[in-house]
């Protein structure tokens, strides 16, 4: 394989993904801040993102089939096009920006995000020789880590644009970025990238690979565990218990996501001494310390009155270990996916990821109202215990 064309295509995928992620993070922060300025309460703002999460489940499943049947360049460009429409839908008079209208725009943005992510992750599989697993791990980790780092940067960008030029011009700026990226992607990305040689059937949406099914279940529990306390319970606790301002809470989470992305990007180096074991064993080895740490955080919160500094330190420790788990999983799905029709397996896997996030989000709100942060931490620990149990089945793969 000639390396230069592969590197060029990888660079295009990376730049495409970066541009989309930057605008996606900025748009999320723009909507939160702008509607907060308009006087919407936290629950109403949360509803603006409800369809964004729900549509991720269906999009990943159907998007994988579309990528295998028509090519990943088309699903990636479709994602960019839908994001442009979603942004354009927000360039209406402010009186039109009602909750249903913005929810619909966010639904399109959620579909666009998952099409873009599935296409980018699947595309890397086609660019790396099967025997070059070390290179594949590094490329997947770099893509995954940089995405989360830029998502955090996007939070800052959204707030900065709102302050600098107002909501309307901020949206115009983001739309311009997407249009430029879309033109480059249409002109330069390979037209047959990821297209299955045999026409993918709709019945192939669900994976028949035991390894991928178990990995997908582990991913579901992994992300449900994070969002069970991160999405609703933790931000409210930081605000109410420690009297952090919205700026402090948002700034901390932006920093957390940036640091999280950096750790994901260097996970191949951090786990190098264990890469002689198989991928399933590595997933199990990564899940155990994360589960133990989350259990310790639950016990500390249960029996001690943690201050802001110790809480922040524990959150950074959790983020460090969670980032390693996420990066290992992201590598394994690309590595284990079939070569012909890779997006079918990747789409099924990220459908499980979306289901986990949805489950965690619902648990976070329900359990926090029921019994506070400590109950959500207990739920997170139990869900991570399930991740470990499922990962035991991955040891042989």
Protein backbone atom coordinates (compact mmCIF):
# COMPACT_ATOMS: atom_id res chain seq x y z
CA UNK A 1 0.00 0.00 0.00
CA UNK A 2 1.30 3.46 -0.90
CA UNK A 3 1.40 5.36 2.38
CA UNK A 4 1.05 8.87 0.98
CA UNK A 5 -2.53 8.53 -0.38
CA UNK A 6 -3.58 6.89 2.90
CA UNK A 7 -2.06 9.70 4.94
CA UNK A 8 -3.74 12.30 2.72
CA UNK A 9 -7.13 10.61 3.11
CA UNK A 10 -6.60 10.24 6.87
CA UNK A 11 -5.73 13.95 7.07
CA UNK A 12 -8.90 14.85 5.18
CA UNK A 13 -11.02 12.69 7.48
CA UNK A 14 -9.31 14.23 10.50
CA UNK A 15 -9.84 17.82 9.29
CA UNK A 16 -13.46 17.04 8.42
CA UNK A 17 -14.05 15.58 11.87
CA UNK A 18 -12.24 18.46 13.59
CA UNK A 19 -14.27 21.11 11.78
CA UNK A 20 -17.55 19.37 12.55
CA UNK A 21 -16.67 18.79 16.21
CA UNK A 22 -15.60 22.39 16.72
CA UNK A 23 -18.89 23.71 15.34
CA UNK A 24 -20.90 21.09 17.25
CA UNK A 25 -19.35 22.01 20.61
CA UNK A 26 -19.68 25.72 19.89
CA UNK A 27 -23.34 25.33 18.86
CA UNK A 28 -24.18 23.47 22.06
CA UNK A 29 -22.65 26.19 24.21
CA UNK A 30 -24.26 28.94 22.12
CA UNK A 31 -27.72 27.47 22.62
CA UNK A 32 -27.24 26.94 26.36
CA UNK A 33 -25.96 30.49 26.96
CA UNK A 34 -28.32 32.25 24.56
CA UNK A 35 -31.47 30.61 25.88
CA UNK A 36 -30.28 31.16 29.43
CA UNK A 37 -30.04 34.87 28.56
CA UNK A 38 -33.60 34.72 27.26
CA UNK A 39 -34.75 33.46 30.66
CA UNK A 40 -35.31 29.75 29.96
CA UNK A 41 -34.83 27.49 32.99
CA UNK A 42 -32.42 24.55 33.09
CA UNK A 43 -35.10 21.92 32.37
CA UNK A 44 -36.34 23.76 29.28
CA UNK A 45 -32.78 24.09 27.98
CA UNK A 46 -32.16 20.38 28.62
CA UNK A 47 -35.23 19.54 26.50
CA UNK A 48 -33.60 21.38 23.58
CA UNK A 49 -31.04 18.53 23.41
CA UNK A 50 -33.45 15.63 23.95
CA UNK A 51 -33.88 14.77 20.26
CA UNK A 52 -30.13 15.29 19.75
CA UNK A 53 -29.48 12.22 21.93
CA UNK A 54 -32.49 10.10 20.91
CA UNK A 55 -31.81 10.35 17.19
CA UNK A 56 -28.24 9.12 17.76
CA UNK A 57 -29.55 5.59 18.39
CA UNK A 58 -31.33 5.32 15.03
CA UNK A 59 -28.75 7.30 13.06
CA UNK A 60 -25.82 5.06 13.97
CA UNK A 61 -27.73 1.94 13.01
CA UNK A 62 -29.11 3.20 9.70
CA UNK A 63 -26.00 5.28 8.95
CA UNK A 64 -23.81 2.18 9.08
CA UNK A 65 -25.96 0.57 6.39
CA UNK A 66 -25.91 3.73 4.26
CA UNK A 67 -22.11 3.93 4.52
CA UNK A 68 -21.67 0.31 3.45
CA UNK A 69 -24.12 0.64 0.56
CA UNK A 70 -23.20 4.06 -0.85
CA UNK A 71 -19.75 4.90 0.55
CA UNK A 72 -18.49 6.64 3.68
CA UNK A 73 -17.67 9.82 1.80
CA UNK A 74 -21.40 10.23 1.08
CA UNK A 75 -22.48 9.68 4.70
CA UNK A 76 -19.77 12.05 5.90
CA UNK A 77 -20.82 14.71 3.42
CA UNK A 78 -24.49 14.10 4.27
CA UNK A 79 -23.59 14.78 7.91
CA UNK A 80 -21.97 18.08 6.94
CA UNK A 81 -25.00 19.01 4.83
CA UNK A 82 -27.44 18.29 7.66
CA UNK A 83 -25.32 20.33 10.05
CA UNK A 84 -25.43 23.23 7.60
CA UNK A 85 -29.25 22.95 7.46
CA UNK A 86 -29.45 22.80 11.27
CA UNK A 87 -27.32 25.93 11.58
CA UNK A 88 -29.27 27.68 8.84
CA UNK A 89 -32.53 26.90 10.66
CA UNK A 90 -31.28 29.02 13.57
CA UNK A 91 -30.77 32.09 11.35
CA UNK A 92 -34.41 33.06 11.70
CA UNK A 93 -35.91 36.01 13.61
CA UNK A 94 -35.52 35.54 17.36
CA UNK A 95 -39.31 35.28 17.76
CA UNK A 96 -39.19 32.03 15.76
CA UNK A 97 -36.62 30.43 18.06
CA UNK A 98 -39.15 28.51 20.12
CA UNK A 99 -38.35 25.29 21.99
CA UNK A 100 -39.95 23.02 19.31
CA UNK A 101 -38.08 24.82 16.51
CA UNK A 102 -34.70 24.54 18.24
CA UNK A 103 -35.40 20.92 19.24
CA UNK A 104 -35.96 20.13 15.55
CA UNK A 105 -32.73 21.89 14.59
CA UNK A 106 -30.87 19.97 17.29
CA UNK A 107 -32.39 16.71 16.04
CA UNK A 108 -30.83 17.40 12.63
CA UNK A 109 -27.55 18.33 14.31
CA UNK A 110 -27.59 15.08 16.30
CA UNK A 111 -28.16 13.04 13.15
CA UNK A 112 -25.36 14.95 11.44
CA UNK A 113 -22.96 14.35 14.34
CA UNK A 114 -23.46 10.60 14.38
CA UNK A 115 -23.19 10.28 10.60
CA UNK A 116 -19.93 12.22 10.70
CA UNK A 117 -18.49 10.23 13.63
CA UNK A 118 -19.46 6.82 12.23
CA UNK A 119 -18.01 7.73 8.82
CA UNK A 120 -14.73 9.03 10.24
CA UNK A 121 -14.13 6.02 12.52
CA UNK A 122 -15.07 3.53 9.80
CA UNK A 123 -12.97 5.30 7.17
CA UNK A 124 -9.72 4.73 9.08
CA UNK A 125 -10.22 0.95 8.83
CA UNK A 126 -9.93 1.21 5.05
CA UNK A 127 -6.65 3.14 5.17
CA UNK A 128 -4.50 0.88 7.37
CA UNK A 129 -3.17 -2.59 6.40
CA UNK A 130 -4.66 -5.43 8.46
CA UNK A 131 -1.27 -6.34 9.91
CA UNK A 132 -0.51 -2.78 11.10
CA UNK A 133 -2.58 -2.90 14.30
CA UNK A 134 -0.19 -0.60 16.19
CA UNK A 135 -0.64 2.09 13.55
CA UNK A 136 -4.42 1.58 13.59
CA UNK A 137 -4.51 2.04 17.38
CA UNK A 138 -2.53 5.29 17.10
CA UNK A 139 -4.68 6.67 14.27
CA UNK A 140 -7.98 5.83 16.00
CA UNK A 141 -6.72 7.21 19.33
CA UNK A 142 -5.53 10.43 17.68
CA UNK A 143 -8.88 10.92 15.93
CA UNK A 144 -10.91 10.13 19.05
CA UNK A 145 -8.76 12.17 21.40
CA UNK A 146 -8.53 15.22 19.18
CA UNK A 147 -12.31 15.15 18.72
CA UNK A 148 -12.95 15.44 22.44
CA UNK A 149 -10.24 18.06 22.89
CA UNK A 150 -11.78 20.17 20.14
CA UNK A 151 -15.24 19.67 21.62
CA UNK A 152 -13.96 21.38 24.76
CA UNK A 153 -12.38 24.13 22.65
CA UNK A 154 -15.74 24.45 20.89
CA UNK A 155 -17.41 25.25 24.22
CA UNK A 156 -15.05 28.19 24.63
CA UNK A 157 -15.52 29.20 20.98
CA UNK A 158 -19.31 29.30 21.35
CA UNK A 159 -19.14 31.54 24.39
CA UNK A 160 -16.53 33.77 22.77
CA UNK A 161 -18.53 34.21 19.54
CA UNK A 162 -21.70 35.01 21.48
CA UNK A 163 -19.81 37.67 23.44
CA UNK A 164 -18.00 39.02 20.36
CA UNK A 165 -20.72 39.27 17.74
CA UNK A 166 -24.04 37.99 19.09
CA UNK A 167 -26.06 34.87 18.36
CA UNK A 168 -26.89 35.50 14.68
CA UNK A 169 -23.35 36.27 13.51
CA UNK A 170 -21.98 33.45 15.65
CA UNK A 171 -24.21 31.00 13.76
CA UNK A 172 -23.12 32.54 10.43
CA UNK A 173 -19.47 31.97 11.41
CA UNK A 174 -20.09 28.32 12.25
CA UNK A 175 -22.11 27.82 9.07
CA UNK A 176 -19.25 29.25 6.99
CA UNK A 177 -16.83 26.76 8.56
CA UNK A 178 -19.10 23.84 7.70
CA UNK A 179 -19.63 25.02 4.09
CA UNK A 180 -15.87 25.34 3.46
CA UNK A 181 -15.24 21.92 5.00
CA UNK A 182 -18.05 20.39 2.93
CA UNK A 183 -16.64 21.73 -0.35
CA UNK A 184 -13.18 20.33 0.46
CA UNK A 185 -14.67 16.98 1.45
CA UNK A 186 -16.73 16.67 -1.73
CA UNK A 187 -13.77 17.52 -3.95
CA UNK A 188 -11.00 15.55 -2.23
CA UNK A 189 -12.37 12.55 -0.32
CA UNK A 190 -12.33 9.19 -2.14
CA UNK A 191 -15.72 8.43 -3.66
CA UNK A 192 -15.65 4.68 -2.91
CA UNK A 193 -14.31 4.86 0.65
CA UNK A 194 -15.89 2.11 2.76
CA UNK A 195 -18.41 0.98 0.13
CA UNK A 196 -19.16 -2.72 0.46
CA UNK A 197 -18.32 -4.87 -2.58
CA UNK A 198 -21.54 -6.76 -1.96
CA UNK A 199 -24.58 -4.54 -1.64
CA UNK A 200 -25.31 -4.30 2.06
CA UNK A 201 -28.74 -5.59 3.00
CA UNK A 202 -30.95 -3.85 5.54
CA UNK A 203 -31.11 -7.15 7.44
CA UNK A 204 -27.37 -6.79 8.15
CA UNK A 205 -27.93 -3.80 10.46
CA UNK A 206 -27.44 -5.96 13.55
CA UNK A 207 -24.03 -7.52 14.05
CA UNK A 208 -23.71 -11.31 14.06
CA UNK A 209 -20.17 -11.20 15.48
CA UNK A 210 -20.05 -12.36 19.15
CA UNK A 211 -16.96 -10.23 19.81
CA UNK A 212 -18.62 -7.05 18.52
CA UNK A 213 -21.89 -7.82 20.33
CA UNK A 214 -20.09 -8.23 23.67
CA UNK A 215 -17.95 -5.15 23.02
CA UNK A 216 -21.07 -3.14 22.17
CA UNK A 217 -22.74 -4.24 25.40
CA UNK A 218 -19.63 -3.28 27.37
CA UNK A 219 -19.69 0.13 25.66
CA UNK A 220 -23.35 0.61 26.58
CA UNK A 221 -22.64 0.02 30.28
CA UNK A 222 -19.44 2.10 30.15
CA UNK A 223 -21.11 5.25 28.83
CA UNK A 224 -24.26 4.78 30.89
CA UNK A 225 -21.99 4.75 33.97
CA UNK A 226 -20.41 8.07 33.04
CA UNK A 227 -23.59 9.92 32.14
CA UNK A 228 -25.47 8.51 35.15
CA UNK A 229 -23.72 11.09 37.31
CA UNK A 230 -22.08 13.50 34.87
CA UNK A 231 -25.01 14.80 32.85
CA UNK A 232 -27.39 16.21 35.47
CA UNK A 233 -26.28 15.28 38.99
CA UNK A 234 -22.69 16.53 38.91
CA UNK A 235 -23.20 20.01 37.37
CA UNK A 236 -26.05 20.75 39.77
CA UNK A 237 -24.00 19.52 42.75
CA UNK A 238 -21.01 21.66 41.79
CA UNK A 239 -23.32 24.64 41.51
CA UNK A 240 -25.37 24.08 44.66
CA UNK A 241 -22.92 22.44 47.09
CA UNK A 242 -19.82 24.48 46.22
CA UNK A 243 -21.60 27.60 44.94
CA UNK A 244 -19.76 27.48 41.63
CA UNK A 245 -20.99 29.97 39.03
CA UNK A 246 -22.24 28.82 35.62
CA UNK A 247 -18.94 30.07 34.20
CA UNK A 248 -16.92 27.98 36.67
CA UNK A 249 -18.97 24.84 36.02
CA UNK A 250 -18.80 25.30 32.25
CA UNK A 251 -15.09 26.11 32.38
CA UNK A 252 -14.31 23.06 34.48
CA UNK A 253 -16.21 20.73 32.17
CA UNK A 254 -14.52 22.27 29.12
CA UNK A 255 -11.12 21.73 30.74
CA UNK A 256 -12.13 18.18 31.72
CA UNK A 257 -13.14 17.32 28.15
CA UNK A 258 -9.94 18.81 26.69
CA UNK A 259 -7.78 16.85 29.16
CA UNK A 260 -9.90 13.75 28.52
CA UNK A 261 -9.24 14.06 24.78
CA UNK A 262 -5.49 14.46 25.31
CA UNK A 263 -5.37 11.25 27.38
CA UNK A 264 -7.35 9.41 24.69
CA UNK A 265 -4.84 10.57 22.09
CA UNK A 266 -1.85 9.18 24.01
CA UNK A 267 -3.52 5.95 25.20
CA UNK A 268 -1.43 3.78 22.79
CA UNK A 269 1.69 5.08 24.53
CA UNK A 270 0.18 4.73 28.03
CA UNK A 271 -0.81 1.11 27.39
CA UNK A 272 2.22 0.10 25.35
CA UNK A 273 3.59 -2.36 27.93
CA UNK A 274 0.28 -4.26 27.86
CA UNK A 275 -0.21 -4.38 24.09
CA UNK A 276 1.28 -7.87 23.89
CA UNK A 277 -2.00 -9.20 25.35
CA UNK A 278 -5.06 -9.48 23.14
CA UNK A 279 -7.55 -6.63 22.76
CA UNK A 280 -10.27 -8.19 24.90
CA UNK A 281 -7.87 -8.65 27.82
CA UNK A 282 -6.77 -5.03 27.46
CA UNK A 283 -10.40 -3.89 27.68
CA UNK A 284 -10.86 -5.91 30.88
CA UNK A 285 -7.60 -4.61 32.35
CA UNK A 286 -8.70 -1.02 31.69
CA UNK A 287 -12.20 -1.47 33.16
CA UNK A 288 -11.16 -2.83 36.57
CA UNK A 289 -9.32 0.25 37.98
CA UNK A 290 -12.05 2.57 36.67
CA UNK A 291 -14.68 0.53 38.51
CA UNK A 292 -12.62 0.53 41.71
CA UNK A 293 -12.05 4.30 41.58
CA UNK A 294 -15.75 5.02 40.99
CA UNK A 295 -16.62 2.80 43.95
CA UNK A 296 -14.11 4.72 46.08
CA UNK A 297 -15.64 8.04 44.99
CA UNK A 298 -19.09 6.71 45.97
CA UNK A 299 -17.84 5.64 49.41
CA UNK A 300 -16.00 8.92 50.01
CA UNK A 301 -19.08 10.92 49.03
CA UNK A 302 -21.22 8.66 51.25
CA UNK A 303 -19.18 8.97 54.43
CA UNK A 304 -17.16 12.18 54.09
CA UNK A 305 -17.96 15.79 53.25
CA UNK A 306 -15.69 16.27 50.26
CA UNK A 307 -14.54 19.81 49.50
CA UNK A 308 -14.31 21.34 46.01
CA UNK A 309 -10.58 20.63 45.58
CA UNK A 310 -10.80 16.92 46.45
CA UNK A 311 -13.91 16.52 44.28
CA UNK A 312 -12.15 18.12 41.30
CA UNK A 313 -9.11 15.88 41.82
CA UNK A 314 -11.26 12.75 41.91
CA UNK A 315 -13.06 13.89 38.76
CA UNK A 316 -9.75 14.27 36.96
CA UNK A 317 -8.73 10.77 38.07
CA UNK A 318 -12.02 9.38 36.81
CA UNK A 319 -11.55 11.22 33.50
CA UNK A 320 -8.02 9.83 33.08
CA UNK A 321 -9.13 6.20 33.51
CA UNK A 322 -12.36 6.65 31.56
CA UNK A 323 -10.44 8.15 28.62
CA UNK A 324 -8.21 5.06 28.45
CA UNK A 325 -11.25 2.76 28.47
CA UNK A 326 -12.97 4.77 25.75
CA UNK A 327 -9.86 4.84 23.54
CA UNK A 328 -9.30 1.08 23.89
CA UNK A 329 -12.94 0.39 22.98
CA UNK A 330 -12.78 2.75 19.99
CA UNK A 331 -9.70 0.97 18.69
CA UNK A 332 -11.19 -2.50 19.19
CA UNK A 333 -14.37 -1.80 17.24
CA UNK A 334 -12.39 -0.53 14.25
CA UNK A 335 -9.94 -3.43 14.53
CA UNK A 336 -12.61 -6.14 14.88
CA UNK A 337 -15.06 -4.75 12.33
CA UNK A 338 -15.33 -6.61 9.04
CA UNK A 339 -13.29 -5.05 6.25
CA UNK A 340 -16.04 -5.25 3.64
CA UNK A 341 -18.90 -3.23 5.11
CA UNK A 342 -16.96 -1.87 8.10
CA UNK A 343 -19.57 0.82 8.78
CA UNK A 344 -22.24 -1.81 9.55
CA UNK A 345 -20.29 -3.02 12.59
CA UNK A 346 -19.15 0.45 13.61
CA UNK A 347 -22.70 1.82 13.29
CA UNK A 348 -24.13 -1.00 15.42
CA UNK A 349 -21.45 -0.38 18.07
CA UNK A 350 -22.10 3.37 18.24
CA UNK A 351 -25.82 2.69 18.44
CA UNK A 352 -25.00 0.91 21.71
CA UNK A 353 -22.93 3.91 22.73
CA UNK A 354 -25.91 6.20 22.10
CA UNK A 355 -28.23 3.88 24.03
CA UNK A 356 -25.81 3.97 26.96
CA UNK A 357 -25.72 7.75 26.94
CA UNK A 358 -29.50 7.93 26.78
CA UNK A 359 -29.86 5.44 29.65
CA UNK A 360 -27.27 7.28 31.73
CA UNK A 361 -28.93 10.64 31.11
CA UNK A 362 -32.32 9.34 32.22
CA UNK A 363 -30.80 7.69 35.32
CA UNK A 364 -28.89 10.84 36.18
CA UNK A 365 -32.02 12.97 36.34
CA UNK A 366 -34.28 10.36 37.99
CA UNK A 367 -31.83 9.15 40.66
CA UNK A 368 -30.63 12.64 41.51
CA UNK A 369 -34.17 13.80 42.16
CA UNK A 370 -34.82 10.60 44.12
CA UNK A 371 -31.74 10.51 46.37
CA UNK A 372 -29.04 12.96 45.29
CA UNK A 373 -25.54 12.59 43.83
CA UNK A 374 -24.56 9.60 45.96
CA UNK A 375 -27.27 7.42 44.44
CA UNK A 376 -26.07 8.28 40.93
CA UNK A 377 -22.51 7.35 41.96
CA UNK A 378 -23.77 3.99 43.23
CA UNK A 379 -25.54 3.45 39.90
CA UNK A 380 -22.33 4.35 38.05
CA UNK A 381 -20.36 1.84 40.11
CA UNK A 382 -22.92 -0.92 39.44
CA UNK A 383 -22.93 -0.15 35.70
CA UNK A 384 -19.13 -0.30 35.63
CA UNK A 385 -19.31 -3.61 37.45
CA UNK A 386 -21.49 -4.79 34.56
CA UNK A 387 -18.81 -3.51 32.16
CA UNK A 388 -16.21 -5.65 33.92
CA UNK A 389 -18.45 -8.73 33.84
CA UNK A 390 -19.14 -8.28 30.12
CA UNK A 391 -15.43 -7.63 29.47
CA UNK A 392 -14.66 -11.05 30.95
CA UNK A 393 -16.34 -12.46 27.82
CA UNK A 394 -13.98 -10.43 25.64
CA UNK A 395 -10.81 -12.09 27.00
CA UNK A 396 -10.77 -14.77 24.29
CA UNK A 397 -11.02 -12.34 21.36
